[in-house]
Amino acid sequence: MYAAAEQNVAMDLAWPTIISEAVFEEADQYRDTLINIIERAASRAGVSGQTGRLPELTMRPELVGIRKDLPREWWTFVLKSIQAHLAAVRPGLYPIGSKQVSELWPNIHRIGEFHAPHFHSFERSVLVGTYYVGVPEVRSELEACLALMDPRGRISASAEYNKFHGASEYIVQPVPGKLVLFPPHVVHYVYPHRSTTAVRYSISFNVSKAALAGGTGSADF
């Protein structure tokens, strides 16, 4: 509850959408390792990039299989970030183990490639995460960005409404080493970039609803 200054008014938050951003301090040290893991997996799967919405790629064994190759230090950072997010939403939802990261896959975006608006299954997962491995230099502020759309629906499409309550999109600037976490029901998409020399590499995942059980996870890798 929040008390308004100098007024006898009680306030609370209704239907908040909690978004977390964390930074892996050792990102530079593991950048090349992660890129090599992603490129090897993509080569095995015969994938050069991801244009538009290709959700079937998340289920390809060659891509999902990268989880066992990811460094222990990276997993430690990701799991601690998930724990912190869930604890803020509902205290006691920890520890979280890597087995509760139910689906994990890499994303490769070359020039002009993007992801169309979509959401993840909220029947199976409680949280979505994206970690930025490598990011191209961009010419405009929205290139290669992740956009999270206001989940309140049509009401947020009103320009006048947004002047008071805020923009209808939450923009995440991709920075190597940044991890963003958000609810699976939030519609999101990725803007294309125009770099001819660099690639946008990221790793995305879903956190299973098993994480809601609390105390069932372990720091397994």
C-alpha atoms as a PDB file:
ATOM      1  CA  MET A   1       0.000   0.000   0.000  1.00  0.00           C
ATOM      2  CA  TYR A   2       1.121   3.544  -0.692  1.00  0.00           C
ATOM      3  CA  ALA A   3       0.105   6.635   1.283  1.00  0.00           C
ATOM      4  CA  ALA A   4      -0.356   9.815  -0.737  1.00  0.00           C
ATOM      5  CA  ALA A   5       1.689  12.699   0.689  1.00  0.00           C
ATOM      6  CA  GLU A   6      -0.293  14.998   2.987  1.00  0.00           C
ATOM      7  CA  GLN A   7      -3.552  13.263   2.059  1.00  0.00           C
ATOM      8  CA  ASN A   8      -5.508  10.538   3.801  1.00  0.00           C
ATOM      9  CA  VAL A   9      -5.612   8.412   0.662  1.00  0.00           C
ATOM     10  CA  ALA A  10      -4.542   4.769   0.427  1.00  0.00           C
ATOM     11  CA  MET A  11      -3.110   3.548  -2.870  1.00  0.00           C
ATOM     12  CA  ASP A  12      -2.193   0.167  -4.238  1.00  0.00           C
ATOM     13  CA  LEU A  13      -1.096  -1.378  -7.534  1.00  0.00           C
ATOM     14  CA  ALA A  14      -3.559  -3.390  -9.592  1.00  0.00           C
ATOM     15  CA  TRP A  15      -2.454  -5.719 -12.367  1.00  0.00           C
ATOM     16  CA  PRO A  16       1.179  -4.577 -12.441  1.00  0.00           C
ATOM     17  CA  THR A  17       3.450  -5.930 -15.169  1.00  0.00           C
ATOM     18  CA  ILE A  18       6.838  -6.505 -13.596  1.00  0.00           C
ATOM     19  CA  ILE A  19       9.811  -6.391 -15.976  1.00  0.00           C
ATOM     20  CA  SER A  20      13.343  -7.088 -14.766  1.00  0.00           C
ATOM     21  CA  GLU A  21      16.639  -6.151 -16.378  1.00  0.00           C
ATOM     22  CA  ALA A  22      19.937  -7.518 -15.055  1.00  0.00           C
ATOM     23  CA  VAL A  23      23.514  -7.324 -16.338  1.00  0.00           C
ATOM     24  CA  PHE A  24      26.005 -10.203 -16.419  1.00  0.00           C
ATOM     25  CA  GLU A  25      29.247  -8.658 -15.164  1.00  0.00           C
ATOM     26  CA  GLU A  26      31.338 -11.307 -16.936  1.00  0.00           C
ATOM     27  CA  ALA A  27      29.587 -10.861 -20.282  1.00  0.00           C
ATOM     28  CA  ASP A  28      32.708  -9.799 -22.202  1.00  0.00           C
ATOM     29  CA  GLN A  29      34.609 -12.839 -20.969  1.00  0.00           C
ATOM     30  CA  TYR A  30      31.978 -15.281 -22.255  1.00  0.00           C
ATOM     31  CA  ARG A  31      30.736 -13.437 -25.350  1.00  0.00           C
ATOM     32  CA  ASP A  32      32.810 -15.347 -27.927  1.00  0.00           C
ATOM     33  CA  THR A  33      32.121 -18.663 -26.215  1.00  0.00           C
ATOM     34  CA  LEU A  34      28.362 -18.094 -26.362  1.00  0.00           C
ATOM     35  CA  ILE A  35      28.467 -16.939 -29.986  1.00  0.00           C
ATOM     36  CA  ASN A  36      30.396 -20.078 -30.961  1.00  0.00           C
ATOM     37  CA  ILE A  37      27.834 -22.254 -29.158  1.00  0.00           C
ATOM     38  CA  ILE A  38      24.977 -20.524 -30.990  1.00  0.00           C
ATOM     39  CA  GLU A  39      26.616 -20.677 -34.415  1.00  0.00           C
ATOM     40  CA  ARG A  40      27.495 -24.365 -34.041  1.00  0.00           C
ATOM     41  CA  ALA A  41      23.917 -25.173 -33.059  1.00  0.00           C
ATOM     42  CA  ALA A  42      22.526 -23.131 -35.965  1.00  0.00           C
ATOM     43  CA  SER A  43      24.886 -24.873 -38.368  1.00  0.00           C
ATOM     44  CA  ARG A  44      23.757 -28.300 -37.154  1.00  0.00           C
ATOM     45  CA  ALA A  45      20.138 -27.227 -37.599  1.00  0.00           C
ATOM     46  CA  GLY A  46      20.756 -25.688 -41.018  1.00  0.00           C
ATOM     47  CA  VAL A  47      19.577 -22.276 -39.796  1.00  0.00           C
ATOM     48  CA  SER A  48      21.298 -19.080 -40.951  1.00  0.00           C
ATOM     49  CA  GLY A  49      18.938 -16.603 -39.313  1.00  0.00           C
ATOM     50  CA  GLN A  50      15.429 -16.074 -38.047  1.00  0.00           C
ATOM     51  CA  THR A  51      13.210 -13.895 -40.208  1.00  0.00           C
ATOM     52  CA  GLY A  52       9.712 -13.181 -38.977  1.00  0.00           C
ATOM     53  CA  ARG A  53       8.048 -15.500 -36.518  1.00  0.00           C
ATOM     54  CA  LEU A  54       9.466 -19.012 -36.606  1.00  0.00           C
ATOM     55  CA  PRO A  55       8.389 -20.578 -33.295  1.00  0.00           C
ATOM     56  CA  GLU A  56       9.105 -24.070 -34.569  1.00  0.00           C
ATOM     57  CA  LEU A  57      12.808 -23.299 -34.237  1.00  0.00           C
ATOM     58  CA  THR A  58      12.457 -23.302 -30.468  1.00  0.00           C
ATOM     59  CA  MET A  59      11.663 -27.008 -30.566  1.00  0.00           C
ATOM     60  CA  ARG A  60      14.476 -28.079 -32.882  1.00  0.00           C
ATOM     61  CA  PRO A  61      16.713 -30.530 -30.963  1.00  0.00           C
ATOM     62  CA  GLU A  62      19.865 -29.001 -32.456  1.00  0.00           C
ATOM     63  CA  LEU A  63      18.950 -25.615 -30.950  1.00  0.00           C
ATOM     64  CA  VAL A  64      17.344 -26.650 -27.669  1.00  0.00           C
ATOM     65  CA  GLY A  65      20.402 -28.836 -27.067  1.00  0.00           C
ATOM     66  CA  ILE A  66      22.679 -25.858 -26.407  1.00  0.00           C
ATOM     67  CA  ARG A  67      21.644 -25.712 -22.745  1.00  0.00           C
ATOM     68  CA  LYS A  68      24.200 -28.345 -21.760  1.00  0.00           C
ATOM     69  CA  ASP A  69      26.990 -26.363 -23.452  1.00  0.00           C
ATOM     70  CA  LEU A  70      26.306 -23.050 -21.719  1.00  0.00           C
ATOM     71  CA  PRO A  71      28.922 -22.050 -19.110  1.00  0.00           C
ATOM     72  CA  ARG A  72      28.171 -22.662 -15.447  1.00  0.00           C
ATOM     73  CA  GLU A  73      28.871 -19.000 -14.665  1.00  0.00           C
ATOM     74  CA  TRP A  74      26.211 -17.926 -17.162  1.00  0.00           C
ATOM     75  CA  TRP A  75      23.668 -20.313 -15.657  1.00  0.00           C
ATOM     76  CA  THR A  76      24.436 -19.015 -12.159  1.00  0.00           C
ATOM     77  CA  PHE A  77      23.741 -15.439 -13.263  1.00  0.00           C
ATOM     78  CA  VAL A  78      20.501 -16.381 -15.044  1.00  0.00           C
ATOM     79  CA  LEU A  79      19.131 -18.488 -12.185  1.00  0.00           C
ATOM     80  CA  LYS A  80      19.891 -15.815  -9.583  1.00  0.00           C
ATOM     81  CA  SER A  81      18.155 -13.227 -11.764  1.00  0.00           C
ATOM     82  CA  ILE A  82      15.087 -15.459 -12.109  1.00  0.00           C
ATOM     83  CA  GLN A  83      15.033 -16.016  -8.353  1.00  0.00           C
ATOM     84  CA  ALA A  84      15.190 -12.270  -7.686  1.00  0.00           C
ATOM     85  CA  HIS A  85      12.344 -11.571 -10.127  1.00  0.00           C
ATOM     86  CA  LEU A  86      10.033 -14.270  -8.772  1.00  0.00           C
ATOM     87  CA  ALA A  87      10.810 -13.346  -5.170  1.00  0.00           C
ATOM     88  CA  ALA A  88       9.735  -9.765  -5.938  1.00  0.00           C
ATOM     89  CA  VAL A  89       6.454 -11.032  -7.367  1.00  0.00           C
ATOM     90  CA  ARG A  90       5.786 -13.668  -4.734  1.00  0.00           C
ATOM     91  CA  PRO A  91       8.308 -14.136  -1.887  1.00  0.00           C
ATOM     92  CA  GLY A  92       9.419 -17.692  -1.258  1.00  0.00           C
ATOM     93  CA  LEU A  93       9.589 -18.895  -4.869  1.00  0.00           C
ATOM     94  CA  TYR A  94      13.106 -20.233  -4.730  1.00  0.00           C
ATOM     95  CA  PRO A  95      15.562 -21.878  -5.184  1.00  0.00           C
ATOM     96  CA  ILE A  96      15.257 -22.203  -8.942  1.00  0.00           C
ATOM     97  CA  GLY A  97      17.145 -24.893 -10.837  1.00  0.00           C
ATOM     98  CA  SER A  98      18.049 -25.021 -14.505  1.00  0.00           C
ATOM     99  CA  LYS A  99      15.566 -27.870 -15.008  1.00  0.00           C
ATOM    100  CA  GLN A 100      12.822 -25.328 -14.373  1.00  0.00           C
ATOM    101  CA  VAL A 101      14.043 -23.394 -17.416  1.00  0.00           C
ATOM    102  CA  SER A 102      11.791 -25.623 -19.470  1.00  0.00           C
ATOM    103  CA  GLU A 103      12.654 -24.368 -22.963  1.00  0.00           C
ATOM    104  CA  LEU A 104      15.753 -22.525 -24.141  1.00  0.00           C
ATOM    105  CA  TRP A 105      16.841 -21.548 -27.642  1.00  0.00           C
ATOM    106  CA  PRO A 106      19.206 -19.152 -29.471  1.00  0.00           C
ATOM    107  CA  ASN A 107      18.180 -16.328 -31.799  1.00  0.00           C
ATOM    108  CA  ILE A 108      20.234 -15.107 -34.752  1.00  0.00           C
ATOM    109  CA  HIS A 109      19.175 -11.899 -36.500  1.00  0.00           C
ATOM    110  CA  ARG A 110      21.143 -10.729 -39.508  1.00  0.00           C
ATOM    111  CA  ILE A 111      20.432  -7.615 -41.566  1.00  0.00           C
ATOM    112  CA  GLY A 112      16.699  -6.958 -41.975  1.00  0.00           C
ATOM    113  CA  GLU A 113      15.614  -9.869 -39.788  1.00  0.00           C
ATOM    114  CA  PHE A 114      13.083  -9.521 -37.004  1.00  0.00           C
ATOM    115  CA  HIS A 115      10.482 -11.284 -34.869  1.00  0.00           C
ATOM    116  CA  ALA A 116       6.809 -10.508 -35.448  1.00  0.00           C
ATOM    117  CA  PRO A 117       4.501  -9.829 -32.468  1.00  0.00           C
ATOM    118  CA  HIS A 118       3.816 -12.958 -30.412  1.00  0.00           C
ATOM    119  CA  PHE A 119       3.458 -14.206 -26.854  1.00  0.00           C
ATOM    120  CA  HIS A 120       4.484 -17.397 -25.062  1.00  0.00           C
ATOM    121  CA  SER A 121       2.313 -20.086 -23.520  1.00  0.00           C
ATOM    122  CA  PHE A 122       1.139 -18.884 -20.115  1.00  0.00           C
ATOM    123  CA  GLU A 123      -0.373 -22.331 -19.518  1.00  0.00           C
ATOM    124  CA  ARG A 124       3.100 -23.875 -19.359  1.00  0.00           C
ATOM    125  CA  SER A 125       5.373 -21.028 -18.275  1.00  0.00           C
ATOM    126  CA  VAL A 126       5.460 -18.312 -15.652  1.00  0.00           C
ATOM    127  CA  LEU A 127       8.274 -16.165 -17.034  1.00  0.00           C
ATOM    128  CA  VAL A 128      10.097 -15.398 -20.289  1.00  0.00           C
ATOM    129  CA  GLY A 129      13.722 -14.347 -20.525  1.00  0.00           C
ATOM    130  CA  THR A 130      16.046 -13.028 -23.217  1.00  0.00           C
ATOM    131  CA  TYR A 131      19.798 -12.605 -22.788  1.00  0.00           C
ATOM    132  CA  TYR A 132      21.772 -10.483 -25.270  1.00  0.00           C
ATOM    133  CA  VAL A 133      25.054 -12.032 -26.368  1.00  0.00           C
ATOM    134  CA  GLY A 134      26.105  -9.819 -29.270  1.00  0.00           C
ATOM    135  CA  VAL A 135      24.491  -6.676 -30.651  1.00  0.00           C
ATOM    136  CA  PRO A 136      25.217  -4.811 -33.916  1.00  0.00           C
ATOM    137  CA  GLU A 137      25.875  -1.087 -34.097  1.00  0.00           C
ATOM    138  CA  VAL A 138      22.633   0.618 -35.072  1.00  0.00           C
ATOM    139  CA  ARG A 139      21.663   3.804 -36.908  1.00  0.00           C
ATOM    140  CA  SER A 140      18.382   4.519 -35.124  1.00  0.00           C
ATOM    141  CA  GLU A 141      17.226   4.120 -31.535  1.00  0.00           C
ATOM    142  CA  LEU A 142      14.734   1.316 -32.283  1.00  0.00           C
ATOM    143  CA  GLU A 143      16.917  -0.930 -34.445  1.00  0.00           C
ATOM    144  CA  ALA A 144      17.314  -4.442 -32.990  1.00  0.00           C
ATOM    145  CA  CYS A 145      15.254  -3.453 -29.920  1.00  0.00           C
ATOM    146  CA  LEU A 146      12.784  -5.657 -28.096  1.00  0.00           C
ATOM    147  CA  ALA A 147       9.327  -4.084 -27.766  1.00  0.00           C
ATOM    148  CA  LEU A 148       6.911  -5.243 -25.071  1.00  0.00           C
ATOM    149  CA  MET A 149       3.319  -4.245 -25.779  1.00  0.00           C
ATOM    150  CA  ASP A 150       0.954  -2.932 -23.124  1.00  0.00           C
ATOM    151  CA  PRO A 151      -1.093  -5.966 -21.977  1.00  0.00           C
ATOM    152  CA  ARG A 152      -4.131  -3.833 -21.113  1.00  0.00           C
ATOM    153  CA  GLY A 153      -5.340  -4.219 -24.678  1.00  0.00           C
ATOM    154  CA  ARG A 154      -7.400  -1.719 -26.646  1.00  0.00           C
ATOM    155  CA  ILE A 155      -7.572   0.826 -23.848  1.00  0.00           C
ATOM    156  CA  SER A 156      -3.833   1.461 -24.179  1.00  0.00           C
ATOM    157  CA  ALA A 157      -4.162   2.250 -27.896  1.00  0.00           C
ATOM    158  CA  SER A 158      -5.660   5.666 -27.141  1.00  0.00           C
ATOM    159  CA  ALA A 159      -3.195   8.507 -27.661  1.00  0.00           C
ATOM    160  CA  GLU A 160      -4.894  10.645 -25.022  1.00  0.00           C
ATOM    161  CA  TYR A 161      -4.861   7.772 -22.541  1.00  0.00           C
ATOM    162  CA  ASN A 162      -1.153   7.200 -23.121  1.00  0.00           C
ATOM    163  CA  LYS A 163      -0.343  10.850 -22.447  1.00  0.00           C
ATOM    164  CA  PHE A 164      -1.469  10.280 -18.870  1.00  0.00           C
ATOM    165  CA  HIS A 165      -0.653   6.612 -18.241  1.00  0.00           C
ATOM    166  CA  GLY A 166       2.478   6.189 -20.335  1.00  0.00           C
ATOM    167  CA  ALA A 167       3.466   4.768 -23.720  1.00  0.00           C
ATOM    168  CA  SER A 168       1.851   1.608 -25.073  1.00  0.00           C
ATOM    169  CA  GLU A 169       5.243  -0.060 -25.613  1.00  0.00           C
ATOM    170  CA  TYR A 170       8.129  -0.779 -23.266  1.00  0.00           C
ATOM    171  CA  ILE A 171      11.348  -0.667 -25.300  1.00  0.00           C
ATOM    172  CA  VAL A 172      14.346  -2.757 -24.263  1.00  0.00           C
ATOM    173  CA  GLN A 173      17.638  -1.559 -25.700  1.00  0.00           C
ATOM    174  CA  PRO A 174      19.788  -4.617 -26.520  1.00  0.00           C
ATOM    175  CA  VAL A 175      23.120  -4.461 -24.725  1.00  0.00           C
ATOM    176  CA  PRO A 176      25.571  -7.368 -24.558  1.00  0.00           C
ATOM    177  CA  GLY A 177      25.253  -8.990 -21.142  1.00  0.00           C
ATOM    178  CA  LYS A 178      21.727  -7.705 -20.446  1.00  0.00           C
ATOM    179  CA  LEU A 179      19.018 -10.131 -19.365  1.00  0.00           C
ATOM    180  CA  VAL A 180      15.366  -9.082 -19.519  1.00  0.00           C
ATOM    181  CA  LEU A 181      12.577 -11.036 -17.783  1.00  0.00           C
ATOM    182  CA  PHE A 182       8.835 -10.516 -18.272  1.00  0.00           C
ATOM    183  CA  PRO A 183       5.496 -12.389 -18.054  1.00  0.00           C
ATOM    184  CA  PRO A 184       4.693 -14.802 -20.916  1.00  0.00           C
ATOM    185  CA  HIS A 185       1.321 -13.225 -21.734  1.00  0.00           C
ATOM    186  CA  VAL A 186       2.951  -9.937 -22.785  1.00  0.00           C
ATOM    187  CA  VAL A 187       2.968  -9.608 -26.576  1.00  0.00           C
ATOM    188  CA  HIS A 188       6.434  -8.699 -27.804  1.00  0.00           C
ATOM    189  CA  TYR A 189       8.440  -8.366 -30.998  1.00  0.00           C
ATOM    190  CA  VAL A 190      11.914  -7.473 -32.259  1.00  0.00           C
ATOM    191  CA  TYR A 191      12.725  -4.585 -34.572  1.00  0.00           C
ATOM    192  CA  PRO A 192      15.036  -5.360 -37.537  1.00  0.00           C
ATOM    193  CA  HIS A 193      18.503  -3.864 -37.815  1.00  0.00           C
ATOM    194  CA  ARG A 194      20.413  -2.642 -40.865  1.00  0.00           C
ATOM    195  CA  SER A 195      23.963  -3.642 -40.007  1.00  0.00           C
ATOM    196  CA  THR A 196      25.716  -5.442 -42.857  1.00  0.00           C
ATOM    197  CA  THR A 197      28.671  -6.553 -40.760  1.00  0.00           C
ATOM    198  CA  ALA A 198      27.284  -7.592 -37.357  1.00  0.00           C
ATOM    199  CA  VAL A 199      24.683 -10.011 -36.043  1.00  0.00           C
ATOM    200  CA  ARG A 200      22.226  -9.775 -33.155  1.00  0.00           C
ATOM    201  CA  TYR A 201      22.763 -12.872 -31.001  1.00  0.00           C
ATOM    202  CA  SER A 202      20.508 -13.664 -28.076  1.00  0.00           C
ATOM    203  CA  ILE A 203      19.352 -16.597 -25.977  1.00  0.00           C
ATOM    204  CA  SER A 204      15.710 -16.868 -24.949  1.00  0.00           C
ATOM    205  CA  PHE A 205      13.966 -19.208 -22.538  1.00  0.00           C
ATOM    206  CA  ASN A 206      10.750 -20.008 -20.692  1.00  0.00           C
ATOM    207  CA  VAL A 207      10.580 -20.666 -16.953  1.00  0.00           C
ATOM    208  CA  SER A 208       8.262 -23.552 -16.132  1.00  0.00           C
ATOM    209  CA  LYS A 209       5.260 -23.150 -13.852  1.00  0.00           C
ATOM    210  CA  ALA A 210       6.993 -25.715 -11.637  1.00  0.00           C
ATOM    211  CA  ALA A 211       8.959 -22.747 -10.310  1.00  0.00           C
ATOM    212  CA  LEU A 212       5.786 -21.636  -8.541  1.00  0.00           C
ATOM    213  CA  ALA A 213       5.946 -24.673  -6.272  1.00  0.00           C
ATOM    214  CA  GLY A 214       8.711 -22.980  -4.240  1.00  0.00           C
ATOM    215  CA  GLY A 215      11.684 -24.773  -2.739  1.00  0.00           C
ATOM    216  CA  THR A 216      11.665 -27.576  -5.311  1.00  0.00           C
ATOM    217  CA  GLY A 217      14.520 -26.348  -7.438  1.00  0.00           C
ATOM    218  CA  SER A 218      18.244 -26.765  -7.036  1.00  0.00           C
ATOM    219  CA  ALA A 219      21.313 -25.130  -8.492  1.00  0.00           C
ATOM    220  CA  ASP A 220      21.677 -27.910 -11.056  1.00  0.00           C
ATOM    221  CA  PHE A 221      23.289 -27.343 -14.406  1.00  0.00           C
END
